[in-house]
Amino acid sequence: MEDLYYPLLETDDEFIVHGFSYANYLEELGETSQRDIYGQSSMDKAMRDAFRKMHHFLMTTQGMSKDEAISLMSVAADFGVTQIVDGNWGVHGVIKKNIMPG
């Protein structure tokens, strides 16, 4: 798991990744970020980030190909809204450990 570039939450039964519209919106959007985040953030950006992280997680830790990871995600991963408290939309992706190969 040393090749992961993002936080990973692990419970006894699941792995959970978190995606956001912006990893660091204060830096990425600049001086007016606290105002602009409400117009710039979107569920699509957060979902794309969570999808990419889950995809990377499966390929990196489970040795899956791109197609294998996408196939597993389509039948076994659940995505949901994490937060919108500061305007930076968040989505989490959950995958059960018991369906993982190996």
N, C-alpha and C. Protein backbone atom coordinates (compact mmCIF):
# COMPACT_ATOMS: atom_id res chain seq x y z
N MET A 1 0.81 -1.19 0.00
CA MET A 1 0.00 0.00 0.00
C MET A 1 0.86 1.25 0.00
N GLU A 2 2.15 1.06 -0.08
CA GLU A 2 3.05 2.21 -0.06
C GLU A 2 2.95 3.07 -1.31
N ASP A 3 2.38 2.56 -2.39
CA ASP A 3 2.27 3.32 -3.63
C ASP A 3 1.00 4.16 -3.70
N LEU A 4 0.22 4.18 -2.65
CA LEU A 4 -1.00 4.98 -2.64
C LEU A 4 -0.64 6.43 -2.33
N TYR A 5 -1.25 7.36 -3.05
CA TYR A 5 -0.97 8.79 -2.88
C TYR A 5 -2.12 9.51 -2.18
N TYR A 6 -3.01 8.78 -1.58
CA TYR A 6 -4.22 9.33 -0.96
C TYR A 6 -4.53 8.53 0.30
N PRO A 7 -5.29 9.12 1.21
CA PRO A 7 -5.67 8.39 2.42
C PRO A 7 -6.59 7.21 2.09
N LEU A 8 -6.45 6.15 2.83
CA LEU A 8 -7.28 4.97 2.69
C LEU A 8 -7.81 4.61 4.06
N LEU A 9 -9.11 4.45 4.17
CA LEU A 9 -9.72 4.01 5.42
C LEU A 9 -9.93 2.51 5.33
N GLU A 10 -9.50 1.80 6.37
CA GLU A 10 -9.68 0.36 6.40
C GLU A 10 -10.40 -0.03 7.68
N THR A 11 -11.48 -0.79 7.53
CA THR A 11 -12.18 -1.36 8.68
C THR A 11 -11.93 -2.87 8.66
N ASP A 12 -12.54 -3.58 9.57
CA ASP A 12 -12.39 -5.04 9.57
C ASP A 12 -12.93 -5.67 8.29
N ASP A 13 -13.94 -5.03 7.69
CA ASP A 13 -14.64 -5.63 6.55
C ASP A 13 -14.49 -4.89 5.22
N GLU A 14 -14.00 -3.65 5.23
CA GLU A 14 -14.04 -2.83 4.02
C GLU A 14 -12.79 -1.99 3.85
N PHE A 15 -12.58 -1.59 2.59
CA PHE A 15 -11.64 -0.54 2.23
C PHE A 15 -12.47 0.63 1.73
N ILE A 16 -12.10 1.85 2.12
CA ILE A 16 -12.86 3.03 1.74
C ILE A 16 -11.90 4.11 1.25
N VAL A 17 -12.16 4.62 0.04
CA VAL A 17 -11.40 5.75 -0.49
C VAL A 17 -12.31 6.97 -0.52
N HIS A 18 -11.69 8.15 -0.48
CA HIS A 18 -12.46 9.39 -0.50
C HIS A 18 -12.00 10.25 -1.67
N GLY A 19 -12.97 10.79 -2.39
CA GLY A 19 -12.67 11.68 -3.49
C GLY A 19 -13.32 13.03 -3.25
N PHE A 20 -12.67 14.08 -3.72
CA PHE A 20 -13.19 15.43 -3.55
C PHE A 20 -13.08 16.21 -4.85
N SER A 21 -13.89 17.24 -4.98
CA SER A 21 -13.79 18.11 -6.15
C SER A 21 -12.38 18.67 -6.27
N TYR A 22 -11.83 19.08 -5.14
CA TYR A 22 -10.47 19.63 -5.09
C TYR A 22 -9.74 19.01 -3.90
N ALA A 23 -8.53 18.57 -4.12
CA ALA A 23 -7.74 18.01 -3.03
C ALA A 23 -7.39 19.08 -2.01
N ASN A 24 -7.09 20.28 -2.48
CA ASN A 24 -6.76 21.41 -1.61
C ASN A 24 -7.31 22.67 -2.25
N TYR A 25 -8.61 22.90 -2.10
CA TYR A 25 -9.23 24.01 -2.81
C TYR A 25 -8.70 25.37 -2.38
N LEU A 26 -8.24 25.51 -1.15
CA LEU A 26 -7.69 26.80 -0.71
C LEU A 26 -6.48 27.19 -1.56
N GLU A 27 -5.66 26.21 -1.89
CA GLU A 27 -4.49 26.45 -2.73
C GLU A 27 -4.86 26.49 -4.21
N GLU A 28 -5.68 25.55 -4.65
CA GLU A 28 -6.00 25.41 -6.07
C GLU A 28 -6.83 26.55 -6.62
N LEU A 29 -7.73 27.12 -5.81
CA LEU A 29 -8.60 28.19 -6.30
C LEU A 29 -8.10 29.58 -5.94
N GLY A 30 -7.06 29.65 -5.14
CA GLY A 30 -6.43 30.94 -4.86
C GLY A 30 -7.12 31.80 -3.83
N GLU A 31 -6.87 33.09 -3.96
CA GLU A 31 -7.28 34.08 -2.96
C GLU A 31 -8.78 34.10 -2.66
N THR A 32 -9.58 33.83 -3.66
CA THR A 32 -11.04 33.87 -3.46
C THR A 32 -11.64 32.47 -3.33
N SER A 33 -10.82 31.53 -2.92
CA SER A 33 -11.24 30.12 -2.88
C SER A 33 -12.46 29.87 -2.00
N GLN A 34 -12.54 30.54 -0.86
CA GLN A 34 -13.65 30.27 0.05
C GLN A 34 -14.98 30.75 -0.51
N ARG A 35 -14.95 31.64 -1.44
CA ARG A 35 -16.15 32.06 -2.14
C ARG A 35 -16.38 31.20 -3.39
N ASP A 36 -15.31 30.97 -4.12
CA ASP A 36 -15.42 30.30 -5.42
C ASP A 36 -15.72 28.81 -5.32
N ILE A 37 -15.38 28.18 -4.20
CA ILE A 37 -15.58 26.74 -4.08
C ILE A 37 -17.04 26.36 -4.31
N TYR A 38 -17.96 27.23 -3.92
CA TYR A 38 -19.38 26.90 -4.06
C TYR A 38 -19.83 26.87 -5.52
N GLY A 39 -19.17 27.59 -6.38
CA GLY A 39 -19.50 27.56 -7.80
C GLY A 39 -18.64 26.61 -8.61
N GLN A 40 -17.48 26.24 -8.08
CA GLN A 40 -16.53 25.41 -8.81
C GLN A 40 -16.62 23.92 -8.48
N SER A 41 -17.06 23.62 -7.27
CA SER A 41 -17.13 22.23 -6.83
C SER A 41 -18.32 21.53 -7.48
N SER A 42 -18.19 20.23 -7.69
CA SER A 42 -19.32 19.49 -8.26
C SER A 42 -19.25 18.02 -7.86
N MET A 43 -20.40 17.40 -7.88
CA MET A 43 -20.48 15.97 -7.60
C MET A 43 -19.71 15.19 -8.66
N ASP A 44 -19.75 15.65 -9.91
CA ASP A 44 -19.03 14.97 -10.99
C ASP A 44 -17.53 14.92 -10.72
N LYS A 45 -16.95 16.04 -10.30
CA LYS A 45 -15.51 16.07 -10.01
C LYS A 45 -15.17 15.15 -8.84
N ALA A 46 -15.99 15.19 -7.81
CA ALA A 46 -15.74 14.35 -6.63
C ALA A 46 -15.88 12.87 -6.98
N MET A 47 -16.88 12.53 -7.78
CA MET A 47 -17.09 11.14 -8.18
C MET A 47 -15.93 10.66 -9.05
N ARG A 48 -15.49 11.51 -9.96
CA ARG A 48 -14.36 11.15 -10.82
C ARG A 48 -13.11 10.87 -9.97
N ASP A 49 -12.88 11.71 -8.97
CA ASP A 49 -11.72 11.53 -8.09
C ASP A 49 -11.84 10.22 -7.30
N ALA A 50 -13.00 9.95 -6.74
CA ALA A 50 -13.20 8.70 -5.98
C ALA A 50 -13.05 7.48 -6.88
N PHE A 51 -13.61 7.55 -8.09
CA PHE A 51 -13.49 6.45 -9.05
C PHE A 51 -12.03 6.18 -9.37
N ARG A 52 -11.28 7.23 -9.67
CA ARG A 52 -9.87 7.06 -10.04
C ARG A 52 -9.06 6.48 -8.89
N LYS A 53 -9.36 6.92 -7.67
CA LYS A 53 -8.63 6.39 -6.51
C LYS A 53 -8.97 4.93 -6.26
N MET A 54 -10.25 4.57 -6.37
CA MET A 54 -10.64 3.16 -6.18
C MET A 54 -10.00 2.30 -7.27
N HIS A 55 -10.02 2.78 -8.49
CA HIS A 55 -9.42 2.08 -9.62
C HIS A 55 -7.93 1.86 -9.37
N HIS A 56 -7.23 2.91 -8.98
CA HIS A 56 -5.81 2.83 -8.68
C HIS A 56 -5.54 1.88 -7.51
N PHE A 57 -6.36 1.97 -6.47
CA PHE A 57 -6.22 1.09 -5.31
C PHE A 57 -6.29 -0.38 -5.71
N LEU A 58 -7.28 -0.74 -6.51
CA LEU A 58 -7.44 -2.14 -6.93
C LEU A 58 -6.29 -2.61 -7.81
N MET A 59 -5.85 -1.76 -8.72
CA MET A 59 -4.73 -2.15 -9.59
C MET A 59 -3.44 -2.26 -8.79
N THR A 60 -3.21 -1.34 -7.87
CA THR A 60 -1.96 -1.30 -7.12
C THR A 60 -1.87 -2.39 -6.06
N THR A 61 -2.92 -2.56 -5.30
CA THR A 61 -2.85 -3.49 -4.16
C THR A 61 -3.29 -4.91 -4.50
N GLN A 62 -4.09 -5.06 -5.55
CA GLN A 62 -4.60 -6.39 -5.90
C GLN A 62 -4.01 -6.93 -7.20
N GLY A 63 -3.19 -6.14 -7.86
CA GLY A 63 -2.55 -6.58 -9.09
C GLY A 63 -3.52 -6.75 -10.25
N MET A 64 -4.62 -6.03 -10.22
CA MET A 64 -5.63 -6.14 -11.28
C MET A 64 -5.24 -5.29 -12.49
N SER A 65 -5.71 -5.71 -13.65
CA SER A 65 -5.59 -4.89 -14.85
C SER A 65 -6.63 -3.77 -14.77
N LYS A 66 -6.53 -2.80 -15.67
CA LYS A 66 -7.53 -1.72 -15.70
C LYS A 66 -8.93 -2.29 -15.89
N ASP A 67 -9.07 -3.20 -16.83
CA ASP A 67 -10.39 -3.78 -17.12
C ASP A 67 -10.92 -4.61 -15.95
N GLU A 68 -10.05 -5.37 -15.30
CA GLU A 68 -10.48 -6.16 -14.15
C GLU A 68 -10.96 -5.26 -13.01
N ALA A 69 -10.23 -4.19 -12.76
CA ALA A 69 -10.61 -3.26 -11.69
C ALA A 69 -11.96 -2.61 -11.99
N ILE A 70 -12.16 -2.18 -13.22
CA ILE A 70 -13.43 -1.56 -13.59
C ILE A 70 -14.57 -2.56 -13.49
N SER A 71 -14.34 -3.78 -13.93
CA SER A 71 -15.37 -4.82 -13.83
C SER A 71 -15.76 -5.09 -12.39
N LEU A 72 -14.77 -5.22 -11.51
CA LEU A 72 -15.06 -5.46 -10.10
C LEU A 72 -15.80 -4.27 -9.49
N MET A 73 -15.37 -3.07 -9.81
CA MET A 73 -16.03 -1.88 -9.28
C MET A 73 -17.49 -1.80 -9.72
N SER A 74 -17.76 -2.22 -10.95
CA SER A 74 -19.13 -2.10 -11.46
C SER A 74 -20.11 -3.02 -10.75
N VAL A 75 -19.61 -4.11 -10.18
CA VAL A 75 -20.52 -5.04 -9.49
C VAL A 75 -20.36 -5.05 -7.98
N ALA A 76 -19.25 -4.51 -7.45
CA ALA A 76 -19.01 -4.68 -6.01
C ALA A 76 -18.70 -3.41 -5.23
N ALA A 77 -18.47 -2.29 -5.90
CA ALA A 77 -18.15 -1.06 -5.17
C ALA A 77 -19.40 -0.21 -5.00
N ASP A 78 -19.52 0.40 -3.84
CA ASP A 78 -20.62 1.33 -3.57
C ASP A 78 -20.03 2.72 -3.37
N PHE A 79 -20.66 3.70 -3.99
CA PHE A 79 -20.23 5.09 -3.86
C PHE A 79 -21.35 5.90 -3.23
N GLY A 80 -20.97 6.87 -2.40
CA GLY A 80 -21.95 7.72 -1.75
C GLY A 80 -21.37 9.09 -1.46
N VAL A 81 -22.25 10.03 -1.13
CA VAL A 81 -21.82 11.38 -0.80
C VAL A 81 -21.18 11.38 0.58
N THR A 82 -19.98 11.92 0.68
CA THR A 82 -19.26 12.00 1.94
C THR A 82 -19.59 13.28 2.68
N GLN A 83 -19.46 14.41 1.99
CA GLN A 83 -19.67 15.69 2.65
C GLN A 83 -19.84 16.81 1.63
N ILE A 84 -20.49 17.85 2.07
CA ILE A 84 -20.57 19.09 1.30
C ILE A 84 -20.48 20.28 2.24
N VAL A 85 -19.98 20.06 3.43
CA VAL A 85 -20.02 21.05 4.50
C VAL A 85 -19.31 22.35 4.15
N ASP A 86 -18.18 22.30 3.46
CA ASP A 86 -17.46 23.53 3.13
C ASP A 86 -17.55 23.86 1.65
N GLY A 87 -18.49 23.27 0.96
CA GLY A 87 -18.66 23.52 -0.46
C GLY A 87 -17.83 22.61 -1.34
N ASN A 88 -16.85 21.93 -0.78
CA ASN A 88 -16.01 21.02 -1.55
C ASN A 88 -16.65 19.63 -1.49
N TRP A 89 -17.38 19.29 -2.55
CA TRP A 89 -18.11 18.02 -2.57
C TRP A 89 -17.16 16.85 -2.34
N GLY A 90 -17.66 15.86 -1.60
CA GLY A 90 -16.89 14.65 -1.34
C GLY A 90 -17.70 13.41 -1.64
N VAL A 91 -17.05 12.40 -2.19
CA VAL A 91 -17.67 11.11 -2.49
C VAL A 91 -16.75 10.03 -1.94
N HIS A 92 -17.33 9.01 -1.33
CA HIS A 92 -16.52 7.88 -0.85
C HIS A 92 -16.88 6.63 -1.64
N GLY A 93 -15.89 5.79 -1.83
CA GLY A 93 -16.08 4.50 -2.48
C GLY A 93 -15.74 3.39 -1.51
N VAL A 94 -16.64 2.41 -1.40
CA VAL A 94 -16.48 1.32 -0.44
C VAL A 94 -16.44 -0.01 -1.20
N ILE A 95 -15.49 -0.85 -0.83
CA ILE A 95 -15.44 -2.19 -1.39
C ILE A 95 -15.18 -3.18 -0.25
N LYS A 96 -15.94 -4.25 -0.24
CA LYS A 96 -15.84 -5.26 0.82
C LYS A 96 -14.56 -6.09 0.63
N LYS A 97 -13.92 -6.39 1.71
CA LYS A 97 -12.70 -7.20 1.66
C LYS A 97 -12.97 -8.63 1.22
N ASN A 98 -14.13 -9.17 1.57
CA ASN A 98 -14.39 -10.59 1.29
C ASN A 98 -14.59 -10.89 -0.19
N ILE A 99 -14.68 -9.90 -1.04
CA ILE A 99 -14.79 -10.16 -2.48
C ILE A 99 -13.46 -9.98 -3.20
N MET A 100 -12.46 -9.59 -2.45
CA MET A 100 -11.15 -9.35 -3.05
C MET A 100 -10.47 -10.68 -3.37
N PRO A 101 -9.79 -10.73 -4.51
CA PRO A 101 -9.06 -11.95 -4.83
C PRO A 101 -7.90 -12.15 -3.85
N GLY A 102 -7.53 -13.38 -3.63
CA GLY A 102 -6.37 -13.68 -2.78
C GLY A 102 -6.71 -13.62 -1.40
